[in-house]
N, C-alpha and C. Protein backbone atom coordinates (compact mmCIF):
# COMPACT_ATOMS: atom_id res chain seq x y z
N MET A 1 21.14 112.47 -30.35
CA MET A 1 21.81 112.21 -29.01
C MET A 1 21.80 113.61 -28.18
N GLU A 2 21.08 113.84 -27.21
CA GLU A 2 21.06 115.10 -26.51
C GLU A 2 22.27 115.18 -25.76
N GLN A 3 22.77 113.75 -25.26
CA GLN A 3 24.46 114.10 -24.22
C GLN A 3 25.11 113.77 -25.51
N SER A 4 26.40 114.33 -25.34
CA SER A 4 27.83 114.07 -26.11
C SER A 4 28.15 112.76 -25.91
N VAL A 5 29.08 112.51 -27.21
CA VAL A 5 29.37 110.88 -27.21
C VAL A 5 30.54 110.89 -26.17
N GLU A 6 31.14 111.88 -25.61
CA GLU A 6 32.15 112.18 -25.04
C GLU A 6 31.78 111.91 -23.36
N GLY A 7 30.65 112.87 -23.19
CA GLY A 7 29.99 112.15 -22.13
C GLY A 7 29.58 110.72 -21.85
N LEU A 8 28.81 110.46 -22.76
CA LEU A 8 28.44 108.98 -22.65
C LEU A 8 29.52 107.89 -22.55
N VAL A 9 30.60 108.15 -23.12
CA VAL A 9 32.08 107.55 -22.88
C VAL A 9 32.32 107.30 -21.55
N GLY A 10 32.50 108.53 -21.19
CA GLY A 10 32.73 108.58 -19.85
C GLY A 10 32.16 107.89 -18.93
N ARG A 11 30.50 108.09 -18.89
CA ARG A 11 29.94 107.26 -18.19
C ARG A 11 29.72 105.98 -18.36
N TYR A 12 29.60 105.33 -19.73
CA TYR A 12 29.58 103.88 -19.71
C TYR A 12 30.66 103.20 -19.78
N PHE A 13 31.87 103.64 -20.05
CA PHE A 13 33.07 103.03 -20.55
C PHE A 13 34.12 103.83 -19.46
N PRO A 14 34.00 103.86 -18.01
CA PRO A 14 34.72 104.47 -17.42
C PRO A 14 36.20 104.33 -17.26
N GLU A 15 36.44 102.78 -17.18
CA GLU A 15 37.91 102.34 -16.87
C GLU A 15 38.40 102.03 -18.27
N ARG A 16 37.87 101.84 -19.52
CA ARG A 16 38.15 101.84 -20.83
C ARG A 16 37.86 102.93 -21.86
N GLN A 17 37.73 104.13 -21.63
CA GLN A 17 37.47 105.10 -22.50
C GLN A 17 38.69 105.00 -23.83
N GLU A 18 39.76 104.91 -23.72
CA GLU A 18 40.67 105.22 -24.77
C GLU A 18 40.40 103.84 -25.72
N GLU A 19 40.14 102.55 -25.13
CA GLU A 19 39.90 101.39 -25.94
C GLU A 19 38.87 101.51 -26.65
N ILE A 20 37.57 102.07 -26.23
CA ILE A 20 36.49 101.85 -26.99
C ILE A 20 36.52 103.20 -27.73
N ARG A 21 37.18 104.15 -27.76
CA ARG A 21 37.46 105.14 -28.92
C ARG A 21 38.19 104.60 -30.00
N ALA A 22 39.36 103.84 -29.47
CA ALA A 22 40.03 102.87 -30.55
C ALA A 22 39.35 102.14 -31.21
N PHE A 23 38.55 101.10 -30.68
CA PHE A 23 37.55 100.38 -31.44
C PHE A 23 36.66 101.04 -32.38
N ALA A 24 35.99 102.35 -31.86
CA ALA A 24 34.99 103.19 -32.79
C ALA A 24 35.91 103.43 -33.90
N GLN A 25 37.07 103.69 -33.67
CA GLN A 25 37.88 104.35 -35.07
C GLN A 25 38.26 103.06 -35.94
N PHE A 26 38.65 102.10 -35.20
CA PHE A 26 38.74 100.69 -35.95
C PHE A 26 37.53 100.30 -37.08
N LEU A 27 36.12 100.42 -36.04
CA LEU A 27 35.10 100.06 -36.99
C LEU A 27 34.90 100.94 -38.27
N THR A 28 35.21 102.47 -38.21
CA THR A 28 34.85 103.28 -39.15
C THR A 28 35.76 103.30 -39.98
N THR A 29 37.02 102.50 -39.86
CA THR A 29 38.04 102.24 -41.15
C THR A 29 38.05 101.02 -41.52
N ALA A 30 38.72 99.92 -41.08
CA ALA A 30 38.71 98.99 -41.01
C ALA A 30 37.56 98.10 -41.33
N GLY A 31 36.66 98.21 -40.51
CA GLY A 31 35.22 97.86 -40.66
C GLY A 31 34.72 97.97 -41.93
N ILE A 32 34.66 99.19 -42.32
CA ILE A 32 34.02 99.72 -43.47
C ILE A 32 34.92 99.14 -44.83
N GLU A 33 36.02 99.24 -44.68
CA GLU A 33 37.12 99.09 -45.63
C GLU A 33 36.75 97.42 -45.90
N ARG A 34 36.39 96.23 -44.70
CA ARG A 34 36.34 95.24 -45.06
C ARG A 34 34.85 94.44 -45.25
N GLY A 35 34.06 95.44 -45.35
CA GLY A 35 32.70 95.09 -45.06
C GLY A 35 32.39 94.65 -44.19
N LEU A 36 32.47 95.05 -42.75
CA LEU A 36 31.60 94.45 -41.88
C LEU A 36 30.63 95.34 -41.49
N ILE A 37 30.80 96.49 -41.79
CA ILE A 37 29.54 97.70 -41.59
C ILE A 37 29.44 98.05 -42.87
N GLY A 38 28.32 98.89 -42.96
CA GLY A 38 28.09 99.67 -44.46
C GLY A 38 28.68 100.54 -44.25
N PRO A 39 29.09 101.18 -45.80
CA PRO A 39 30.07 102.82 -45.96
C PRO A 39 29.24 103.75 -45.03
N ARG A 40 28.05 103.63 -45.00
CA ARG A 40 27.54 104.83 -44.38
C ARG A 40 27.22 105.25 -43.28
N GLU A 41 27.67 103.54 -42.34
CA GLU A 41 27.74 103.42 -40.91
C GLU A 41 28.43 104.51 -40.15
N GLY A 42 29.58 104.97 -40.74
CA GLY A 42 30.63 105.72 -40.06
C GLY A 42 30.41 106.68 -38.99
N GLU A 43 29.23 107.32 -39.41
CA GLU A 43 28.73 108.53 -38.71
C GLU A 43 27.91 108.27 -37.60
N ARG A 44 27.48 107.05 -37.89
CA ARG A 44 26.34 106.43 -36.95
C ARG A 44 26.94 105.44 -36.02
N ILE A 45 28.29 105.23 -35.97
CA ILE A 45 28.95 104.17 -35.41
C ILE A 45 28.47 104.31 -33.56
N TRP A 46 28.40 105.40 -33.23
CA TRP A 46 28.15 105.33 -31.73
C TRP A 46 27.02 104.93 -31.16
N GLU A 47 25.84 105.99 -32.01
CA GLU A 47 24.49 105.63 -31.40
C GLU A 47 23.92 104.40 -32.03
N ARG A 48 24.08 103.79 -33.23
CA ARG A 48 23.69 102.88 -33.87
C ARG A 48 24.51 101.37 -33.74
N HIS A 49 25.89 101.45 -33.05
CA HIS A 49 26.38 100.14 -32.97
C HIS A 49 26.87 100.23 -31.69
N ILE A 50 27.37 101.35 -30.98
CA ILE A 50 28.15 101.13 -30.17
C ILE A 50 27.18 101.07 -28.60
N PHE A 51 26.42 102.10 -28.71
CA PHE A 51 25.84 102.64 -27.69
C PHE A 51 24.70 101.67 -27.46
N ASN A 52 24.31 101.19 -28.36
CA ASN A 52 23.15 100.47 -28.94
C ASN A 52 23.56 98.99 -27.95
N CYS A 53 24.41 98.56 -27.91
CA CYS A 53 25.19 97.12 -27.23
C CYS A 53 24.97 97.22 -25.94
N LEU A 54 24.74 98.58 -25.27
CA LEU A 54 25.10 98.68 -23.92
C LEU A 54 23.82 98.07 -22.92
N PRO A 55 22.70 98.49 -23.35
CA PRO A 55 21.29 97.59 -22.65
C PRO A 55 21.77 96.19 -21.82
N VAL A 56 22.13 95.60 -22.77
CA VAL A 56 22.48 94.13 -22.31
C VAL A 56 23.37 93.81 -21.14
N THR A 57 24.28 94.99 -20.91
CA THR A 57 25.19 95.03 -19.52
C THR A 57 24.45 94.78 -18.62
N GLN A 58 23.44 95.34 -18.50
CA GLN A 58 22.47 95.61 -17.25
C GLN A 58 21.89 94.37 -16.65
N LEU A 59 21.89 93.01 -17.81
CA LEU A 59 21.48 91.96 -17.14
C LEU A 59 22.45 90.75 -16.68
N LEU A 60 23.61 91.09 -16.82
CA LEU A 60 25.10 90.48 -16.56
C LEU A 60 25.54 90.44 -14.90
N PRO A 61 25.32 89.51 -14.34
CA PRO A 61 25.49 89.78 -12.95
C PRO A 61 27.34 90.01 -12.84
N GLN A 62 28.01 90.35 -12.00
CA GLN A 62 29.30 90.54 -11.79
C GLN A 62 30.23 89.01 -12.29
N ASN A 63 31.22 89.46 -12.78
CA ASN A 63 32.42 88.47 -12.98
C ASN A 63 31.77 87.05 -14.02
N ALA A 64 30.72 87.38 -14.60
CA ALA A 64 29.86 86.17 -15.58
C ALA A 64 31.03 85.69 -16.72
N SER A 65 30.77 84.74 -17.09
CA SER A 65 31.21 84.34 -18.09
C SER A 65 30.37 84.64 -19.34
N LEU A 66 30.69 84.83 -20.57
CA LEU A 66 29.82 85.25 -21.51
C LEU A 66 30.59 84.73 -22.74
N PHE A 67 29.81 84.07 -24.06
CA PHE A 67 30.05 83.98 -25.06
C PHE A 67 29.08 84.85 -25.98
N ASP A 68 29.59 85.41 -27.31
CA ASP A 68 28.86 86.18 -28.01
C ASP A 68 29.23 85.41 -29.30
N ILE A 69 27.79 84.95 -29.52
CA ILE A 69 27.96 84.22 -30.87
C ILE A 69 27.39 85.24 -32.05
N GLY A 70 28.27 84.68 -33.53
CA GLY A 70 28.30 85.42 -34.58
C GLY A 70 28.77 86.88 -34.30
N SER A 71 29.99 86.77 -33.56
CA SER A 71 30.31 88.08 -33.72
C SER A 71 30.68 89.34 -34.37
N GLY A 72 30.64 88.66 -35.72
CA GLY A 72 31.10 89.86 -36.87
C GLY A 72 32.31 90.96 -36.71
N ALA A 73 31.56 92.22 -36.32
CA ALA A 73 32.48 93.11 -36.13
C ALA A 73 32.99 93.49 -34.82
N GLY A 74 32.41 92.36 -33.91
CA GLY A 74 32.60 92.57 -32.27
C GLY A 74 31.30 93.41 -31.60
N LEU A 75 30.34 93.20 -32.61
CA LEU A 75 29.27 93.68 -31.60
C LEU A 75 28.26 92.73 -31.43
N PRO A 76 27.78 92.48 -30.23
CA PRO A 76 27.88 93.48 -28.97
C PRO A 76 29.31 93.02 -27.98
N GLY A 77 29.91 91.65 -28.36
CA GLY A 77 30.81 91.46 -27.22
C GLY A 77 32.07 92.20 -27.23
N ILE A 78 32.74 92.79 -27.96
CA ILE A 78 33.85 93.59 -27.38
C ILE A 78 33.35 95.26 -26.96
N VAL A 79 31.86 95.57 -27.21
CA VAL A 79 31.50 96.80 -26.47
C VAL A 79 31.06 96.25 -24.96
N ILE A 80 30.47 95.00 -25.14
CA ILE A 80 30.18 94.55 -23.55
C ILE A 80 31.50 94.10 -22.72
N ALA A 81 32.69 93.64 -23.23
CA ALA A 81 33.94 93.70 -22.81
C ALA A 81 34.26 94.82 -22.35
N LEU A 82 34.28 95.88 -22.91
CA LEU A 82 35.02 97.13 -22.60
C LEU A 82 34.29 97.93 -21.45
N ALA A 83 32.85 98.01 -21.25
CA ALA A 83 32.33 98.59 -20.61
C ALA A 83 31.87 97.52 -19.38
N ARG A 84 32.18 96.34 -19.04
CA ARG A 84 32.19 95.60 -18.16
C ARG A 84 33.56 94.61 -18.24
N PRO A 85 34.65 95.16 -17.44
CA PRO A 85 35.95 94.64 -17.79
C PRO A 85 35.90 93.25 -16.64
N ASP A 86 34.90 93.21 -15.69
CA ASP A 86 34.75 92.12 -14.80
C ASP A 86 34.36 91.04 -15.69
N LEU A 87 33.79 91.15 -16.59
CA LEU A 87 33.20 90.04 -17.48
C LEU A 87 34.34 89.35 -18.02
N LYS A 88 34.16 87.86 -18.16
CA LYS A 88 34.93 86.73 -18.97
C LYS A 88 34.75 86.67 -20.25
N VAL A 89 34.76 87.32 -21.46
CA VAL A 89 33.89 87.29 -22.73
C VAL A 89 34.73 86.48 -23.97
N THR A 90 33.93 85.80 -24.91
CA THR A 90 34.63 85.23 -25.81
C THR A 90 33.72 85.27 -26.79
N LEU A 91 34.33 85.69 -28.01
CA LEU A 91 33.83 85.85 -29.15
C LEU A 91 33.87 84.73 -30.20
N ILE A 92 32.43 84.30 -31.10
CA ILE A 92 32.70 83.16 -31.53
C ILE A 92 32.22 83.50 -32.88
N GLU A 93 32.88 83.38 -33.87
CA GLU A 93 32.73 83.88 -35.42
C GLU A 93 33.20 82.65 -36.38
N PRO A 94 32.14 82.50 -37.35
CA PRO A 94 32.80 81.13 -38.26
C PRO A 94 33.69 81.65 -39.12
N LEU A 95 33.28 82.74 -39.86
CA LEU A 95 34.07 83.38 -40.87
C LEU A 95 35.42 83.73 -40.91
N GLU A 96 36.28 83.24 -41.53
CA GLU A 96 38.08 83.67 -41.32
C GLU A 96 38.26 84.87 -41.25
N ARG A 97 37.43 85.66 -42.57
CA ARG A 97 37.95 87.17 -42.51
C ARG A 97 37.54 87.76 -41.41
N ARG A 98 36.10 87.66 -40.85
CA ARG A 98 35.82 88.21 -39.64
C ARG A 98 36.61 88.08 -38.33
N VAL A 99 37.12 86.66 -38.16
CA VAL A 99 37.86 86.34 -37.27
C VAL A 99 39.18 87.16 -37.05
N GLU A 100 39.86 87.23 -38.41
CA GLU A 100 40.99 87.67 -38.45
C GLU A 100 40.55 89.65 -37.76
N PHE A 101 39.57 90.01 -38.10
CA PHE A 101 39.15 91.39 -37.83
C PHE A 101 39.16 91.49 -36.42
N LEU A 102 38.41 90.38 -35.71
CA LEU A 102 38.31 90.12 -34.57
C LEU A 102 39.35 90.29 -33.27
N LYS A 103 40.49 89.52 -34.14
CA LYS A 103 41.63 89.39 -33.56
C LYS A 103 42.49 90.71 -33.27
N GLU A 104 42.62 91.30 -34.71
CA GLU A 104 43.02 92.56 -34.65
C GLU A 104 42.49 94.00 -33.68
N ALA A 105 41.17 93.63 -33.47
CA ALA A 105 40.19 94.67 -32.71
C ALA A 105 40.70 94.44 -31.50
N THR A 106 40.91 93.13 -30.91
CA THR A 106 41.18 92.69 -29.46
C THR A 106 42.47 92.50 -29.26
N GLU A 107 43.35 93.12 -29.94
CA GLU A 107 44.83 93.04 -29.57
C GLU A 107 44.75 93.76 -28.29
N GLY A 108 45.37 93.05 -27.32
CA GLY A 108 46.01 93.79 -25.97
C GLY A 108 44.91 94.00 -25.15
N LEU A 109 43.56 93.14 -25.55
CA LEU A 109 42.85 92.85 -24.49
C LEU A 109 42.26 91.75 -24.23
N ASP A 110 42.11 91.93 -22.92
CA ASP A 110 41.62 90.11 -22.55
C ASP A 110 40.09 89.72 -22.74
N ILE A 111 40.55 89.49 -24.29
CA ILE A 111 39.18 88.68 -25.06
C ILE A 111 39.17 87.77 -26.06
N GLU A 112 38.84 86.39 -25.76
CA GLU A 112 39.28 85.38 -26.51
C GLU A 112 38.22 85.38 -27.72
N VAL A 113 39.12 85.08 -28.79
CA VAL A 113 38.01 84.79 -30.17
C VAL A 113 38.38 83.24 -30.46
N ILE A 114 37.15 82.63 -30.93
CA ILE A 114 37.37 81.55 -31.12
C ILE A 114 36.70 81.34 -32.78
N ARG A 115 37.22 80.71 -33.97
CA ARG A 115 36.51 80.60 -34.93
C ARG A 115 35.83 79.23 -34.85
N GLY A 116 34.29 79.43 -35.43
CA GLY A 116 33.59 78.14 -35.43
C GLY A 116 32.09 78.59 -35.41
N ARG A 117 31.21 77.76 -35.86
CA ARG A 117 30.03 77.81 -36.02
C ARG A 117 29.37 77.56 -34.34
N ALA A 118 28.07 78.22 -33.79
CA ALA A 118 27.76 78.09 -32.35
C ALA A 118 27.40 76.66 -32.40
N GLN A 119 26.96 76.01 -32.78
CA GLN A 119 26.62 74.56 -32.90
C GLN A 119 27.49 73.69 -32.86
N ASP A 120 28.98 74.35 -33.38
CA ASP A 120 30.01 73.23 -33.29
C ASP A 120 30.64 73.43 -31.93
N VAL A 121 30.50 74.75 -31.16
CA VAL A 121 31.71 74.55 -30.24
C VAL A 121 30.93 73.69 -28.60
N LYS A 122 32.13 73.18 -28.50
CA LYS A 122 31.60 72.33 -27.36
C LYS A 122 31.91 72.75 -25.87
N LYS A 123 32.16 74.14 -25.76
CA LYS A 123 32.40 74.91 -24.24
C LYS A 123 30.88 75.56 -24.22
N SER A 124 31.02 76.04 -22.62
CA SER A 124 29.94 76.70 -22.13
C SER A 124 30.08 77.78 -21.10
N ALA A 125 28.80 78.82 -21.10
CA ALA A 125 29.28 79.88 -20.30
C ALA A 125 28.17 79.88 -19.64
N GLU A 126 28.27 81.06 -18.85
CA GLU A 126 26.63 81.45 -17.95
C GLU A 126 25.83 81.94 -18.77
N TYR A 127 26.38 82.99 -19.79
CA TYR A 127 25.37 83.76 -20.65
C TYR A 127 25.77 83.60 -21.88
N VAL A 128 25.02 83.79 -23.29
CA VAL A 128 25.22 83.53 -24.40
C VAL A 128 24.43 84.86 -25.14
N THR A 129 25.28 85.93 -25.87
CA THR A 129 24.60 86.93 -26.18
C THR A 129 24.52 86.89 -27.83
N ALA A 130 23.62 87.37 -28.54
CA ALA A 130 23.44 87.71 -29.93
C ALA A 130 22.99 88.84 -30.41
N ARG A 131 23.53 89.34 -31.62
CA ARG A 131 22.58 90.87 -31.83
C ARG A 131 23.14 90.16 -33.53
N ALA A 132 21.37 90.42 -33.99
CA ALA A 132 21.28 89.97 -35.72
C ALA A 132 21.76 88.84 -36.05
N VAL A 133 21.91 87.77 -35.38
CA VAL A 133 22.19 86.48 -35.68
C VAL A 133 21.05 85.70 -36.57
N ALA A 134 20.14 85.34 -35.82
CA ALA A 134 18.78 84.61 -36.50
C ALA A 134 17.70 84.83 -35.40
N PRO A 135 16.86 84.32 -36.24
CA PRO A 135 15.65 84.56 -35.40
C PRO A 135 15.41 83.72 -33.89
N LEU A 136 14.63 84.03 -32.95
CA LEU A 136 14.71 83.40 -31.71
C LEU A 136 14.64 82.07 -31.80
N GLU A 137 13.74 81.60 -32.13
CA GLU A 137 13.64 80.00 -32.31
C GLU A 137 15.27 79.26 -32.80
N LYS A 138 15.71 79.88 -33.84
CA LYS A 138 16.89 79.27 -34.61
C LYS A 138 17.73 79.33 -33.67
N LEU A 139 18.04 80.81 -33.26
CA LEU A 139 19.18 81.06 -32.20
C LEU A 139 19.23 80.27 -31.01
N LYS A 140 18.21 79.71 -30.36
CA LYS A 140 18.29 78.85 -28.99
C LYS A 140 18.64 77.75 -29.66
N LYS A 141 18.26 77.02 -30.88
CA LYS A 141 18.52 75.55 -31.29
C LYS A 141 20.27 75.65 -31.59
N ILE A 142 20.51 76.74 -32.03
CA ILE A 142 22.25 76.73 -32.45
C ILE A 142 23.06 76.96 -31.02
N SER A 143 22.18 77.56 -30.47
CA SER A 143 23.23 77.91 -29.11
C SER A 143 22.78 77.50 -27.38
N TRP A 144 21.79 76.87 -27.57
CA TRP A 144 21.29 76.42 -26.40
C TRP A 144 22.42 75.30 -25.47
N HIS A 145 23.16 74.49 -25.94
CA HIS A 145 23.89 73.87 -25.41
C HIS A 145 25.44 74.50 -25.08
N MET A 146 25.24 75.83 -25.17
CA MET A 146 26.70 76.49 -24.61
C MET A 146 25.96 77.09 -23.51
N VAL A 147 25.16 77.29 -22.88
CA VAL A 147 24.44 78.24 -22.16
C VAL A 147 24.34 76.88 -20.70
N LYS A 148 25.10 77.42 -19.87
CA LYS A 148 25.39 76.76 -18.49
C LYS A 148 24.00 76.76 -17.89
N THR A 149 23.69 75.42 -17.02
CA THR A 149 22.72 75.23 -16.39
C THR A 149 22.48 76.83 -15.22
N GLY A 150 21.22 77.17 -15.37
CA GLY A 150 21.04 78.51 -14.63
C GLY A 150 21.45 79.85 -15.14
N GLY A 151 22.21 79.69 -16.07
CA GLY A 151 22.43 80.78 -17.27
C GLY A 151 21.32 81.36 -18.18
N ALA A 152 21.75 82.11 -19.00
CA ALA A 152 20.82 82.49 -20.34
C ALA A 152 21.45 83.25 -21.24
N LEU A 153 20.38 82.81 -22.29
CA LEU A 153 20.84 83.15 -23.70
C LEU A 153 19.82 84.50 -23.79
N LEU A 154 20.84 85.69 -24.20
CA LEU A 154 20.62 87.07 -24.21
C LEU A 154 20.31 87.56 -25.60
N ALA A 155 19.14 87.68 -26.48
CA ALA A 155 19.36 88.02 -27.78
C ALA A 155 18.83 89.78 -27.89
N MET A 156 19.83 90.12 -28.50
CA MET A 156 19.48 91.89 -28.67
C MET A 156 18.37 91.60 -30.13
N LYS A 157 17.44 92.33 -29.96
CA LYS A 157 16.22 92.49 -30.92
C LYS A 157 15.86 93.79 -30.70
N GLY A 158 15.12 94.03 -32.19
CA GLY A 158 14.61 95.20 -32.28
C GLY A 158 13.15 95.17 -32.19
N GLU A 159 12.28 96.01 -33.03
CA GLU A 159 10.78 96.16 -32.58
C GLU A 159 10.19 95.18 -32.58
N SER A 160 10.55 94.12 -33.47
CA SER A 160 9.65 92.99 -33.96
C SER A 160 10.10 91.93 -32.57
N ALA A 161 10.55 92.58 -31.77
CA ALA A 161 11.00 91.13 -30.41
C ALA A 161 9.79 90.60 -30.00
N ALA A 162 8.86 91.37 -29.66
CA ALA A 162 7.84 90.42 -29.34
C ALA A 162 7.17 89.32 -30.41
N THR A 163 7.03 89.60 -31.40
CA THR A 163 6.41 88.95 -32.33
C THR A 163 7.48 87.60 -32.47
N GLU A 164 8.49 87.80 -32.39
CA GLU A 164 9.69 86.70 -32.28
C GLU A 164 9.31 85.65 -31.14
N MET A 165 9.17 86.19 -30.26
CA MET A 165 9.07 85.60 -28.66
C MET A 165 7.36 84.57 -28.90
N VAL A 166 6.72 84.68 -29.57
CA VAL A 166 5.72 84.19 -29.95
C VAL A 166 6.08 82.56 -30.02
N GLY A 167 5.59 81.51 -29.36
CA GLY A 167 5.46 80.25 -29.45
C GLY A 167 6.94 79.81 -28.92
N VAL A 168 7.76 80.86 -28.24
CA VAL A 168 9.05 80.49 -27.48
C VAL A 168 8.94 80.29 -26.49
N LYS A 169 9.16 79.28 -25.55
CA LYS A 169 8.55 78.76 -24.07
C LYS A 169 9.57 79.60 -23.45
N ASN A 170 8.97 80.50 -22.33
CA ASN A 170 9.67 80.81 -21.17
C ASN A 170 10.48 82.12 -21.80
N ALA A 171 10.43 82.43 -22.76
CA ALA A 171 10.84 84.08 -23.39
C ALA A 171 10.48 85.19 -22.54
N VAL A 172 11.19 85.76 -21.78
CA VAL A 172 11.03 87.09 -21.41
C VAL A 172 12.03 88.24 -22.07
N LEU A 173 10.94 89.22 -21.89
CA LEU A 173 11.33 90.32 -22.89
C LEU A 173 11.59 91.69 -21.96
N HIS A 174 12.96 92.16 -21.86
CA HIS A 174 13.27 93.18 -21.35
C HIS A 174 13.62 94.41 -22.22
N GLU A 175 12.60 95.44 -21.81
CA GLU A 175 12.97 96.70 -22.48
C GLU A 175 13.82 97.46 -21.58
N ILE A 176 15.07 97.86 -21.90
CA ILE A 176 16.07 98.67 -20.96
C ILE A 176 16.21 100.14 -21.55
N GLU A 177 16.05 101.05 -20.57
CA GLU A 177 16.18 102.37 -21.18
C GLU A 177 17.59 103.01 -20.58
N LEU A 178 18.57 103.17 -21.32
CA LEU A 178 19.87 103.85 -20.32
C LEU A 178 19.79 104.99 -20.61
N GLU A 179 20.39 106.16 -19.76
CA GLU A 179 19.97 107.58 -20.02
C GLU A 179 21.09 108.06 -21.05
N GLY A 180 20.48 108.51 -22.05
CA GLY A 180 21.60 109.12 -23.23
C GLY A 180 21.61 108.11 -24.31
N ILE A 181 20.99 106.96 -24.08
CA ILE A 181 20.92 105.97 -25.17
C ILE A 181 20.07 105.46 -25.80
N GLY A 182 18.55 105.34 -24.96
CA GLY A 182 17.67 104.75 -25.83
C GLY A 182 17.26 103.46 -25.26
N LEU A 183 16.12 103.26 -25.87
CA LEU A 183 15.45 102.13 -25.63
C LEU A 183 16.12 100.79 -26.35
N GLY A 184 16.58 99.59 -25.51
CA GLY A 184 17.10 98.25 -26.09
C GLY A 184 16.34 97.35 -25.58
N ARG A 185 16.12 96.44 -26.57
CA ARG A 185 15.12 95.47 -26.31
C ARG A 185 16.03 93.83 -26.40
N ILE A 186 16.09 93.29 -25.35
CA ILE A 186 16.76 92.14 -25.03
C ILE A 186 15.41 90.92 -24.45
N VAL A 187 16.05 89.86 -25.30
CA VAL A 187 15.00 88.48 -24.83
C VAL A 187 15.77 87.53 -24.24
N GLU A 188 15.26 87.25 -23.08
CA GLU A 188 15.84 86.48 -22.47
C GLU A 188 15.61 84.94 -22.24
N LEU A 189 16.37 84.21 -22.69
CA LEU A 189 15.90 82.41 -22.44
C LEU A 189 16.62 82.01 -21.46
N ARG A 190 16.13 81.80 -20.35
CA ARG A 190 17.30 81.21 -18.89
C ARG A 190 16.96 79.74 -18.90
N LYS A 191 18.33 79.25 -18.64
CA LYS A 191 18.17 77.52 -18.65
C LYS A 191 17.98 77.33 -17.15
N PRO A 192 17.06 76.51 -17.14
CA PRO A 192 16.68 76.23 -15.23
C PRO A 192 17.56 75.26 -14.48
N SER A 193 17.90 75.83 -13.50
CA SER A 193 19.01 74.86 -12.75
C SER A 193 18.23 73.30 -12.32
């Protein structure tokens, strides 16, 4: 990274610098101990896990509601909530041990945690995000009922994003480069009004 972590934290988390540092620390300790992130990920926590979640924030309008499905270690949901305190973020995770981790990680923050599988959740939000949850087609199947009319499913994807989009009607690829962060690929599926 050509810019310092501190500089990027100040830029992208102006109101929540202390909270994002605490979350990064929690990921590199409890997150590794409990197997939510790999043992070698500690030294790459900022660039590979936290900053990597920021490009999706560019697609979210002010004060939107958002469900992060398959939240796991809180990525991207907690990062989005700390970068964009105007959003109403809910984390959805089916596994009990991950839910416990998320509840500890969000203590004192205005972030709701729901235990459940995406396909079983009966609520809806304007936006649904997912990172490393499922291939695009399956992701749409399990989460489409949660996306409000006029809202969108925003799937964070890697280099294979364009390949995954083949055959998925109305999928739009956003390649977003944030200063000091690098390229993020988000596939958007908008629910027509």
